[in-house]
């Protein structure tokens, strides 16, 4: 079984990876992307995931581990594996605000689209990917709301442990949750 943390960018996927790693899960990460002001506790990414459309040779390395795969690439995961997807859910307005803030801290600008159009596109994408996930016999999905993790990390840690069936340490998972990093809240 391969555990996959997914969702839109800036939806809490790094927090989830941090929680699982701290709790004792083996993580597939190359540590190339260093912690920064946007994510002071780190990203825990595996660079080759970005080439999933053309490079699937690494996927067997993820067996028994957790790997972060952005929602736009979930459909590229090859058949022949059982996947447990932890899909992070966050209000599209917060995702857009977080992306904008991150780009600002990096001195870059984002798409020249109004935030409402980006939010609508994200909402449609999440609806489409949820339907696709529901139709995949080798995918089981747990939807985790970012704000629920911040509000009640103990309950979410218990849900994650039950979903994955791995012996995770809930206290170490909870210790990774830092509500002060919830900087872009829905109005």
N, C-alpha and C. Protein backbone atom coordinates (compact mmCIF):
# COMPACT_ATOMS: atom_id res chain seq x y z
N UNK A 1 0.84 -1.18 0.00
CA UNK A 1 0.00 0.00 0.00
C UNK A 1 0.88 1.24 0.00
N UNK A 2 0.49 2.21 -0.80
CA UNK A 2 1.17 3.50 -0.85
C UNK A 2 0.23 4.55 -0.28
N UNK A 3 0.71 5.27 0.71
CA UNK A 3 -0.07 6.38 1.27
C UNK A 3 0.29 7.63 0.47
N UNK A 4 -0.72 8.36 0.07
CA UNK A 4 -0.54 9.57 -0.74
C UNK A 4 -1.21 10.73 -0.03
N UNK A 5 -0.45 11.79 0.21
CA UNK A 5 -1.02 13.03 0.72
C UNK A 5 -1.23 13.93 -0.48
N UNK A 6 -2.46 14.40 -0.65
CA UNK A 6 -2.79 15.19 -1.83
C UNK A 6 -3.72 16.34 -1.47
N UNK A 7 -3.99 17.15 -2.47
CA UNK A 7 -4.85 18.31 -2.32
C UNK A 7 -4.32 19.41 -3.22
N UNK A 8 -4.97 20.55 -3.16
CA UNK A 8 -4.49 21.71 -3.90
C UNK A 8 -3.20 22.22 -3.27
N UNK A 9 -2.39 22.94 -4.03
CA UNK A 9 -1.23 23.59 -3.41
C UNK A 9 -1.71 24.53 -2.29
N UNK A 10 -1.00 24.57 -1.20
CA UNK A 10 -1.30 25.44 -0.05
C UNK A 10 -2.58 25.02 0.68
N UNK A 11 -2.92 23.73 0.61
CA UNK A 11 -4.12 23.25 1.30
C UNK A 11 -3.80 22.53 2.60
N UNK A 12 -2.53 22.44 2.97
CA UNK A 12 -2.16 21.77 4.20
C UNK A 12 -1.44 20.45 3.97
N UNK A 13 -1.02 20.20 2.74
CA UNK A 13 -0.34 18.92 2.44
C UNK A 13 0.99 18.80 3.19
N UNK A 14 1.72 19.90 3.31
CA UNK A 14 3.00 19.83 4.03
C UNK A 14 2.77 19.55 5.51
N UNK A 15 1.79 20.20 6.10
CA UNK A 15 1.45 19.93 7.49
C UNK A 15 1.13 18.45 7.68
N UNK A 16 0.35 17.89 6.77
CA UNK A 16 -0.02 16.48 6.88
C UNK A 16 1.22 15.59 6.76
N UNK A 17 2.10 15.91 5.84
CA UNK A 17 3.34 15.14 5.70
C UNK A 17 4.16 15.22 6.98
N UNK A 18 4.25 16.41 7.55
CA UNK A 18 5.00 16.60 8.80
C UNK A 18 4.41 15.77 9.93
N UNK A 19 3.08 15.78 10.02
CA UNK A 19 2.41 15.00 11.07
C UNK A 19 2.70 13.51 10.92
N UNK A 20 2.55 13.00 9.70
CA UNK A 20 2.75 11.58 9.48
C UNK A 20 4.20 11.18 9.72
N UNK A 21 5.13 12.00 9.26
CA UNK A 21 6.55 11.72 9.46
C UNK A 21 6.88 11.71 10.95
N UNK A 22 6.42 12.73 11.68
CA UNK A 22 6.68 12.80 13.12
C UNK A 22 6.06 11.62 13.85
N UNK A 23 4.90 11.17 13.35
CA UNK A 23 4.20 10.06 13.98
C UNK A 23 4.83 8.70 13.74
N UNK A 24 5.82 8.65 12.84
CA UNK A 24 6.52 7.40 12.61
C UNK A 24 6.37 6.80 11.23
N UNK A 25 5.62 7.45 10.34
CA UNK A 25 5.47 6.95 8.98
C UNK A 25 6.76 7.17 8.21
N UNK A 26 7.10 6.23 7.37
CA UNK A 26 8.24 6.37 6.47
C UNK A 26 7.81 7.25 5.30
N UNK A 27 8.60 8.27 5.02
CA UNK A 27 8.24 9.26 4.01
C UNK A 27 9.18 9.15 2.81
N UNK A 28 8.62 9.19 1.62
CA UNK A 28 9.44 9.26 0.41
C UNK A 28 9.66 10.74 0.10
N UNK A 29 10.87 11.21 0.41
CA UNK A 29 11.22 12.61 0.22
C UNK A 29 12.70 12.69 -0.10
N UNK A 30 13.05 13.63 -0.97
CA UNK A 30 14.47 13.83 -1.29
C UNK A 30 15.05 15.04 -0.57
N UNK A 31 14.21 15.76 0.17
CA UNK A 31 14.63 16.93 0.97
C UNK A 31 15.30 18.01 0.14
N UNK A 32 14.99 18.06 -1.17
CA UNK A 32 15.59 19.09 -2.02
C UNK A 32 14.98 20.46 -1.74
N UNK A 33 13.70 20.49 -1.43
CA UNK A 33 13.04 21.77 -1.13
C UNK A 33 13.17 22.03 0.36
N UNK A 34 13.96 23.01 0.67
CA UNK A 34 14.27 23.35 2.06
C UNK A 34 13.12 24.10 2.72
N UNK A 35 13.03 24.03 4.06
CA UNK A 35 12.06 24.88 4.76
C UNK A 35 12.35 26.35 4.45
N UNK A 36 11.30 27.16 4.45
CA UNK A 36 11.45 28.59 4.18
C UNK A 36 10.37 29.35 4.94
N UNK A 37 10.27 30.66 4.69
CA UNK A 37 9.28 31.48 5.41
C UNK A 37 7.85 31.03 5.10
N UNK A 38 7.63 30.46 3.94
CA UNK A 38 6.29 30.00 3.56
C UNK A 38 5.92 28.68 4.23
N UNK A 39 6.93 27.91 4.57
CA UNK A 39 6.72 26.61 5.18
C UNK A 39 7.91 26.31 6.10
N UNK A 40 7.92 26.93 7.28
CA UNK A 40 9.09 26.83 8.15
C UNK A 40 9.41 25.43 8.68
N UNK A 41 8.46 24.51 8.60
CA UNK A 41 8.72 23.15 9.07
C UNK A 41 9.05 22.19 7.93
N UNK A 42 9.10 22.70 6.71
CA UNK A 42 9.51 21.89 5.57
C UNK A 42 8.37 21.37 4.72
N UNK A 43 8.73 20.90 3.54
CA UNK A 43 7.76 20.47 2.54
C UNK A 43 7.64 18.95 2.42
N UNK A 44 8.73 18.22 2.66
CA UNK A 44 8.76 16.76 2.55
C UNK A 44 8.24 16.30 1.18
N UNK A 45 8.84 16.83 0.13
CA UNK A 45 8.45 16.48 -1.24
C UNK A 45 9.49 15.56 -1.87
N UNK A 46 9.07 14.93 -2.95
CA UNK A 46 9.93 14.09 -3.76
C UNK A 46 9.86 14.66 -5.17
N UNK A 47 10.97 15.22 -5.63
CA UNK A 47 11.00 15.98 -6.88
C UNK A 47 10.48 15.19 -8.09
N UNK A 48 10.75 13.90 -8.14
CA UNK A 48 10.34 13.11 -9.30
C UNK A 48 8.82 13.03 -9.45
N UNK A 49 8.08 13.32 -8.39
CA UNK A 49 6.61 13.30 -8.49
C UNK A 49 6.16 14.28 -9.58
N UNK A 50 6.87 15.40 -9.72
CA UNK A 50 6.48 16.42 -10.70
C UNK A 50 6.53 15.89 -12.13
N UNK A 51 7.29 14.84 -12.38
CA UNK A 51 7.38 14.24 -13.72
C UNK A 51 6.54 12.97 -13.84
N UNK A 52 5.54 12.84 -13.00
CA UNK A 52 4.74 11.62 -12.95
C UNK A 52 4.11 11.27 -14.30
N UNK A 53 3.82 12.26 -15.12
CA UNK A 53 3.22 11.96 -16.44
C UNK A 53 4.17 11.16 -17.32
N UNK A 54 5.48 11.37 -17.15
CA UNK A 54 6.45 10.70 -18.01
C UNK A 54 7.37 9.74 -17.25
N UNK A 55 7.41 9.81 -15.93
CA UNK A 55 8.30 8.97 -15.13
C UNK A 55 7.52 8.36 -13.96
N UNK A 56 7.18 7.09 -14.12
CA UNK A 56 6.48 6.36 -13.06
C UNK A 56 7.39 5.30 -12.42
N UNK A 57 8.64 5.24 -12.86
CA UNK A 57 9.56 4.20 -12.40
C UNK A 57 9.81 4.26 -10.89
N UNK A 58 9.65 5.41 -10.29
CA UNK A 58 9.92 5.58 -8.86
C UNK A 58 8.77 5.07 -7.97
N UNK A 59 7.59 4.89 -8.53
CA UNK A 59 6.40 4.58 -7.71
C UNK A 59 6.59 3.35 -6.81
N UNK A 60 7.21 2.25 -7.29
CA UNK A 60 7.41 1.12 -6.37
C UNK A 60 8.23 1.47 -5.12
N UNK A 61 9.09 2.49 -5.20
CA UNK A 61 9.86 2.94 -4.03
C UNK A 61 8.93 3.46 -2.92
N UNK A 62 7.72 3.85 -3.29
CA UNK A 62 6.78 4.43 -2.33
C UNK A 62 5.98 3.39 -1.57
N UNK A 63 6.10 2.12 -1.94
CA UNK A 63 5.36 1.06 -1.23
C UNK A 63 5.69 1.10 0.26
N UNK A 64 4.66 1.13 1.10
CA UNK A 64 4.85 1.15 2.54
C UNK A 64 5.24 2.51 3.09
N UNK A 65 5.21 3.51 2.23
CA UNK A 65 5.61 4.86 2.63
C UNK A 65 4.49 5.84 2.30
N UNK A 66 4.73 7.09 2.68
CA UNK A 66 3.82 8.17 2.33
C UNK A 66 4.56 9.13 1.41
N UNK A 67 3.87 9.59 0.37
CA UNK A 67 4.45 10.50 -0.61
C UNK A 67 3.42 11.58 -0.93
N UNK A 68 3.92 12.79 -1.16
CA UNK A 68 3.02 13.90 -1.49
C UNK A 68 2.86 13.96 -3.02
N UNK A 69 1.60 13.96 -3.47
CA UNK A 69 1.28 14.05 -4.89
C UNK A 69 0.19 15.09 -5.04
N UNK A 70 0.49 16.21 -5.69
CA UNK A 70 -0.49 17.27 -5.89
C UNK A 70 -1.72 16.71 -6.60
N UNK A 71 -2.88 17.25 -6.30
CA UNK A 71 -4.14 16.70 -6.82
C UNK A 71 -4.18 16.64 -8.34
N UNK A 72 -3.52 17.57 -9.01
CA UNK A 72 -3.52 17.58 -10.48
C UNK A 72 -2.78 16.38 -11.08
N UNK A 73 -2.00 15.66 -10.27
CA UNK A 73 -1.25 14.51 -10.78
C UNK A 73 -1.78 13.17 -10.28
N UNK A 74 -2.81 13.16 -9.47
CA UNK A 74 -3.32 11.89 -8.93
C UNK A 74 -3.69 10.90 -10.04
N UNK A 75 -4.28 11.39 -11.10
CA UNK A 75 -4.73 10.51 -12.18
C UNK A 75 -3.56 9.88 -12.94
N UNK A 76 -2.35 10.34 -12.69
CA UNK A 76 -1.16 9.78 -13.34
C UNK A 76 -0.57 8.60 -12.57
N UNK A 77 -1.05 8.37 -11.35
CA UNK A 77 -0.51 7.24 -10.58
C UNK A 77 -0.85 5.94 -11.30
N UNK A 78 0.12 5.05 -11.45
CA UNK A 78 -0.10 3.83 -12.23
C UNK A 78 -0.98 2.81 -11.51
N UNK A 79 -1.70 2.02 -12.30
CA UNK A 79 -2.48 0.92 -11.75
C UNK A 79 -1.50 -0.13 -11.24
N UNK A 80 -2.00 -1.08 -10.51
CA UNK A 80 -1.14 -2.13 -10.00
C UNK A 80 -0.67 -1.88 -8.58
N UNK A 81 -1.14 -0.79 -7.98
CA UNK A 81 -0.81 -0.48 -6.60
C UNK A 81 -2.10 -0.14 -5.86
N UNK A 82 -2.09 -0.38 -4.55
CA UNK A 82 -3.19 0.06 -3.71
C UNK A 82 -2.77 1.39 -3.10
N UNK A 83 -3.65 2.38 -3.22
CA UNK A 83 -3.36 3.72 -2.71
C UNK A 83 -4.34 4.09 -1.61
N UNK A 84 -3.82 4.70 -0.56
CA UNK A 84 -4.64 5.32 0.48
C UNK A 84 -4.35 6.81 0.38
N UNK A 85 -5.32 7.56 -0.09
CA UNK A 85 -5.14 8.99 -0.32
C UNK A 85 -5.70 9.79 0.84
N UNK A 86 -4.87 10.62 1.41
CA UNK A 86 -5.29 11.60 2.41
C UNK A 86 -5.40 12.91 1.66
N UNK A 87 -6.63 13.32 1.38
CA UNK A 87 -6.88 14.49 0.55
C UNK A 87 -7.20 15.68 1.43
N UNK A 88 -6.32 16.67 1.41
CA UNK A 88 -6.49 17.86 2.23
C UNK A 88 -7.50 18.80 1.58
N UNK A 89 -8.43 19.26 2.39
CA UNK A 89 -9.49 20.16 1.93
C UNK A 89 -9.32 21.49 2.66
N UNK A 90 -9.32 22.57 1.88
CA UNK A 90 -9.23 23.92 2.44
C UNK A 90 -10.06 24.84 1.57
N UNK A 91 -10.67 25.84 2.16
CA UNK A 91 -11.51 26.78 1.41
C UNK A 91 -10.70 27.38 0.26
N UNK A 92 -11.26 27.35 -0.95
CA UNK A 92 -10.53 27.90 -2.11
C UNK A 92 -10.05 29.34 -1.91
N UNK A 93 -10.83 30.16 -1.22
CA UNK A 93 -10.41 31.55 -0.97
C UNK A 93 -9.13 31.58 -0.14
N UNK A 94 -9.02 30.67 0.83
CA UNK A 94 -7.81 30.60 1.65
C UNK A 94 -6.62 30.08 0.85
N UNK A 95 -6.87 29.11 -0.02
CA UNK A 95 -5.80 28.58 -0.87
C UNK A 95 -5.25 29.70 -1.75
N UNK A 96 -6.13 30.45 -2.39
CA UNK A 96 -5.70 31.55 -3.27
C UNK A 96 -4.95 32.61 -2.47
N UNK A 97 -5.46 32.97 -1.29
CA UNK A 97 -4.79 33.97 -0.46
C UNK A 97 -3.41 33.47 -0.02
N UNK A 98 -3.31 32.20 0.34
CA UNK A 98 -2.05 31.63 0.77
C UNK A 98 -1.04 31.61 -0.38
N UNK A 99 -1.52 31.24 -1.57
CA UNK A 99 -0.63 31.24 -2.74
C UNK A 99 -0.14 32.65 -3.04
N UNK A 100 -1.03 33.61 -2.96
CA UNK A 100 -0.67 35.01 -3.21
C UNK A 100 0.37 35.50 -2.21
N UNK A 101 0.17 35.19 -0.95
CA UNK A 101 1.13 35.57 0.09
C UNK A 101 2.47 34.90 -0.12
N UNK A 102 2.45 33.62 -0.47
CA UNK A 102 3.69 32.90 -0.71
C UNK A 102 4.45 33.52 -1.87
N UNK A 103 3.75 33.79 -2.96
CA UNK A 103 4.41 34.40 -4.12
C UNK A 103 4.98 35.77 -3.76
N UNK A 104 4.23 36.54 -2.96
CA UNK A 104 4.71 37.84 -2.52
C UNK A 104 6.00 37.73 -1.72
N UNK A 105 6.05 36.74 -0.82
CA UNK A 105 7.27 36.54 -0.03
C UNK A 105 8.44 36.12 -0.90
N UNK A 106 8.14 35.48 -2.04
CA UNK A 106 9.18 35.05 -2.97
C UNK A 106 9.51 36.14 -4.00
N UNK A 107 8.78 37.26 -3.94
CA UNK A 107 9.01 38.35 -4.89
C UNK A 107 8.50 38.05 -6.29
N UNK A 108 7.47 37.19 -6.38
CA UNK A 108 6.91 36.83 -7.68
C UNK A 108 5.42 37.20 -7.70
N UNK A 109 4.85 37.20 -8.89
CA UNK A 109 3.42 37.44 -9.04
C UNK A 109 2.77 36.19 -9.58
N UNK A 110 1.49 36.05 -9.33
CA UNK A 110 0.76 34.88 -9.78
C UNK A 110 0.04 35.14 -11.10
N UNK A 111 -0.94 34.31 -11.38
CA UNK A 111 -1.73 34.43 -12.60
C UNK A 111 -2.47 35.76 -12.62
N UNK A 112 -2.65 36.28 -13.80
CA UNK A 112 -3.35 37.56 -13.96
C UNK A 112 -4.86 37.34 -14.05
N UNK A 113 -5.36 36.48 -13.20
CA UNK A 113 -6.80 36.20 -13.16
C UNK A 113 -7.36 36.72 -11.85
N UNK A 114 -8.61 37.16 -11.86
CA UNK A 114 -9.23 37.57 -10.59
C UNK A 114 -9.31 36.37 -9.65
N UNK A 115 -9.15 36.60 -8.36
CA UNK A 115 -9.20 35.49 -7.39
C UNK A 115 -10.46 34.64 -7.51
N UNK A 116 -11.59 35.28 -7.83
CA UNK A 116 -12.85 34.53 -7.93
C UNK A 116 -12.78 33.48 -9.04
N UNK A 117 -12.10 33.78 -10.14
CA UNK A 117 -11.98 32.82 -11.25
C UNK A 117 -11.08 31.66 -10.85
N UNK A 118 -10.01 31.96 -10.14
CA UNK A 118 -9.10 30.90 -9.68
C UNK A 118 -9.85 30.01 -8.68
N UNK A 119 -10.59 30.63 -7.76
CA UNK A 119 -11.36 29.86 -6.77
C UNK A 119 -12.37 28.95 -7.46
N UNK A 120 -13.05 29.45 -8.49
CA UNK A 120 -14.03 28.65 -9.22
C UNK A 120 -13.35 27.47 -9.92
N UNK A 121 -12.19 27.72 -10.50
CA UNK A 121 -11.45 26.64 -11.17
C UNK A 121 -11.01 25.58 -10.15
N UNK A 122 -10.55 26.01 -9.00
CA UNK A 122 -10.14 25.07 -7.96
C UNK A 122 -11.33 24.25 -7.46
N UNK A 123 -12.46 24.91 -7.26
CA UNK A 123 -13.66 24.22 -6.79
C UNK A 123 -14.06 23.14 -7.78
N UNK A 124 -14.03 23.47 -9.08
CA UNK A 124 -14.39 22.49 -10.11
C UNK A 124 -13.38 21.35 -10.15
N UNK A 125 -12.10 21.69 -10.06
CA UNK A 125 -11.07 20.64 -10.08
C UNK A 125 -11.26 19.66 -8.92
N UNK A 126 -11.48 20.18 -7.72
CA UNK A 126 -11.66 19.31 -6.56
C UNK A 126 -12.90 18.43 -6.74
N UNK A 127 -13.97 18.98 -7.26
CA UNK A 127 -15.18 18.17 -7.51
C UNK A 127 -14.88 17.06 -8.52
N UNK A 128 -14.15 17.41 -9.58
CA UNK A 128 -13.81 16.41 -10.60
C UNK A 128 -12.91 15.31 -10.04
N UNK A 129 -11.90 15.70 -9.27
CA UNK A 129 -10.96 14.70 -8.75
C UNK A 129 -11.63 13.83 -7.69
N UNK A 130 -12.55 14.39 -6.91
CA UNK A 130 -13.29 13.58 -5.94
C UNK A 130 -14.12 12.51 -6.64
N UNK A 131 -14.77 12.89 -7.72
CA UNK A 131 -15.56 11.91 -8.49
C UNK A 131 -14.64 10.83 -9.05
N UNK A 132 -13.51 11.24 -9.59
CA UNK A 132 -12.56 10.27 -10.14
C UNK A 132 -12.07 9.32 -9.05
N UNK A 133 -11.69 9.86 -7.90
CA UNK A 133 -11.23 9.01 -6.80
C UNK A 133 -12.29 8.00 -6.39
N UNK A 134 -13.53 8.43 -6.32
CA UNK A 134 -14.63 7.54 -5.94
C UNK A 134 -14.79 6.37 -6.91
N UNK A 135 -14.39 6.58 -8.17
CA UNK A 135 -14.55 5.55 -9.20
C UNK A 135 -13.35 4.60 -9.31
N UNK A 136 -12.30 4.81 -8.54
CA UNK A 136 -11.09 3.99 -8.65
C UNK A 136 -11.11 2.85 -7.62
N UNK A 137 -11.10 1.61 -8.08
CA UNK A 137 -11.18 0.49 -7.14
C UNK A 137 -9.92 0.32 -6.27
N UNK A 138 -8.78 0.82 -6.72
CA UNK A 138 -7.54 0.65 -5.97
C UNK A 138 -7.17 1.89 -5.14
N UNK A 139 -8.11 2.82 -5.02
CA UNK A 139 -7.91 4.03 -4.21
C UNK A 139 -8.95 4.06 -3.09
N UNK A 140 -8.47 4.30 -1.88
CA UNK A 140 -9.36 4.61 -0.75
C UNK A 140 -8.97 6.01 -0.32
N UNK A 141 -9.96 6.84 -0.03
CA UNK A 141 -9.68 8.25 0.24
C UNK A 141 -10.26 8.69 1.57
N UNK A 142 -9.44 9.42 2.32
CA UNK A 142 -9.87 10.08 3.54
C UNK A 142 -9.75 11.58 3.30
N UNK A 143 -10.87 12.30 3.39
CA UNK A 143 -10.85 13.75 3.22
C UNK A 143 -10.62 14.39 4.58
N UNK A 144 -9.62 15.25 4.64
CA UNK A 144 -9.23 15.89 5.89
C UNK A 144 -9.28 17.40 5.71
N UNK A 145 -10.11 18.04 6.51
CA UNK A 145 -10.24 19.49 6.43
C UNK A 145 -9.10 20.14 7.21
N UNK A 146 -8.41 21.05 6.56
CA UNK A 146 -7.28 21.75 7.16
C UNK A 146 -7.65 22.40 8.49
N UNK A 147 -8.81 23.07 8.52
CA UNK A 147 -9.21 23.74 9.76
C UNK A 147 -9.53 22.75 10.87
N UNK A 148 -10.00 21.55 10.53
CA UNK A 148 -10.25 20.52 11.54
C UNK A 148 -8.94 20.04 12.17
N UNK A 149 -7.89 19.95 11.35
CA UNK A 149 -6.58 19.54 11.88
C UNK A 149 -6.11 20.56 12.90
N UNK A 150 -6.28 21.84 12.60
CA UNK A 150 -5.85 22.89 13.52
C UNK A 150 -6.72 22.95 14.77
N UNK A 151 -8.01 22.74 14.61
CA UNK A 151 -8.95 22.85 15.74
C UNK A 151 -8.92 21.63 16.65
N UNK A 152 -8.73 20.44 16.08
CA UNK A 152 -8.78 19.22 16.87
C UNK A 152 -7.77 18.20 16.35
N UNK A 153 -6.48 18.47 16.52
CA UNK A 153 -5.47 17.58 15.95
C UNK A 153 -5.52 16.16 16.52
N UNK A 154 -5.96 16.01 17.75
CA UNK A 154 -6.04 14.67 18.36
C UNK A 154 -7.04 13.79 17.61
N UNK A 155 -8.21 14.33 17.33
CA UNK A 155 -9.23 13.56 16.61
C UNK A 155 -8.75 13.23 15.19
N UNK A 156 -8.10 14.19 14.55
CA UNK A 156 -7.62 13.95 13.18
C UNK A 156 -6.49 12.93 13.17
N UNK A 157 -5.61 12.97 14.17
CA UNK A 157 -4.53 11.98 14.26
C UNK A 157 -5.13 10.58 14.42
N UNK A 158 -6.18 10.46 15.20
CA UNK A 158 -6.85 9.16 15.38
C UNK A 158 -7.47 8.68 14.07
N UNK A 159 -8.10 9.59 13.34
CA UNK A 159 -8.69 9.23 12.04
C UNK A 159 -7.62 8.75 11.07
N UNK A 160 -6.48 9.45 11.04
CA UNK A 160 -5.39 9.09 10.14
C UNK A 160 -4.83 7.71 10.48
N UNK A 161 -4.62 7.46 11.76
CA UNK A 161 -4.07 6.17 12.20
C UNK A 161 -5.02 5.04 11.82
N UNK A 162 -6.30 5.23 12.03
CA UNK A 162 -7.28 4.20 11.68
C UNK A 162 -7.33 3.98 10.17
N UNK A 163 -7.27 5.06 9.40
CA UNK A 163 -7.35 4.97 7.94
C UNK A 163 -6.15 4.23 7.36
N UNK A 164 -4.96 4.57 7.84
CA UNK A 164 -3.75 3.96 7.30
C UNK A 164 -3.48 2.58 7.87
N UNK A 165 -3.93 2.35 9.12
CA UNK A 165 -3.66 1.07 9.75
C UNK A 165 -2.20 0.92 10.16
N UNK A 166 -1.52 2.03 10.32
CA UNK A 166 -0.12 2.02 10.74
C UNK A 166 -0.02 2.40 12.21
N UNK A 167 0.97 1.87 12.92
CA UNK A 167 1.14 2.24 14.33
C UNK A 167 1.83 3.60 14.44
N UNK A 168 1.04 4.65 14.44
CA UNK A 168 1.58 6.01 14.50
C UNK A 168 1.47 6.56 15.92
N UNK A 169 2.37 7.46 16.27
CA UNK A 169 2.38 8.08 17.59
C UNK A 169 1.56 9.37 17.54
N UNK A 170 0.35 9.37 18.10
CA UNK A 170 -0.51 10.55 17.99
C UNK A 170 0.07 11.79 18.67
N UNK A 171 0.78 11.61 19.77
CA UNK A 171 1.33 12.78 20.48
C UNK A 171 2.38 13.49 19.62
N UNK A 172 3.19 12.73 18.93
CA UNK A 172 4.19 13.34 18.04
C UNK A 172 3.53 13.98 16.83
N UNK A 173 2.44 13.40 16.35
CA UNK A 173 1.69 13.99 15.23
C UNK A 173 1.10 15.34 15.66
N UNK A 174 0.48 15.35 16.83
CA UNK A 174 -0.17 16.56 17.34
C UNK A 174 0.85 17.67 17.55
N UNK A 175 2.05 17.31 17.98
CA UNK A 175 3.09 18.31 18.24
C UNK A 175 3.49 19.09 16.99
N UNK A 176 3.22 18.56 15.82
CA UNK A 176 3.58 19.24 14.58
C UNK A 176 2.59 20.35 14.21
N UNK A 177 1.42 20.35 14.82
CA UNK A 177 0.37 21.32 14.48
C UNK A 177 0.67 22.65 15.18
N UNK A 178 0.83 23.69 14.38
CA UNK A 178 1.13 25.03 14.89
C UNK A 178 0.09 26.00 14.36
N UNK A 179 -0.95 26.31 15.15
CA UNK A 179 -2.01 27.20 14.68
C UNK A 179 -1.53 28.59 14.27
N UNK A 180 -0.36 29.02 14.72
CA UNK A 180 0.13 30.35 14.32
C UNK A 180 0.51 30.38 12.84
N UNK A 181 0.66 29.22 12.23
CA UNK A 181 0.96 29.18 10.79
C UNK A 181 -0.30 29.26 9.93
N UNK A 182 -1.47 29.33 10.56
CA UNK A 182 -2.73 29.50 9.83
C UNK A 182 -2.90 31.00 9.61
N UNK A 183 -2.26 31.49 8.53
CA UNK A 183 -2.16 32.92 8.30
C UNK A 183 -3.22 33.50 7.38
N UNK A 184 -3.78 32.70 6.50
CA UNK A 184 -4.79 33.20 5.56
C UNK A 184 -6.10 32.50 5.86
N UNK A 185 -6.92 33.16 6.65
CA UNK A 185 -8.21 32.60 7.06
C UNK A 185 -9.32 33.12 6.15
N UNK A 186 -10.32 32.25 5.97
CA UNK A 186 -11.49 32.62 5.18
C UNK A 186 -12.22 33.75 5.90
N UNK A 187 -12.58 34.74 5.13
CA UNK A 187 -13.27 35.91 5.72
C UNK A 187 -14.68 35.57 6.15
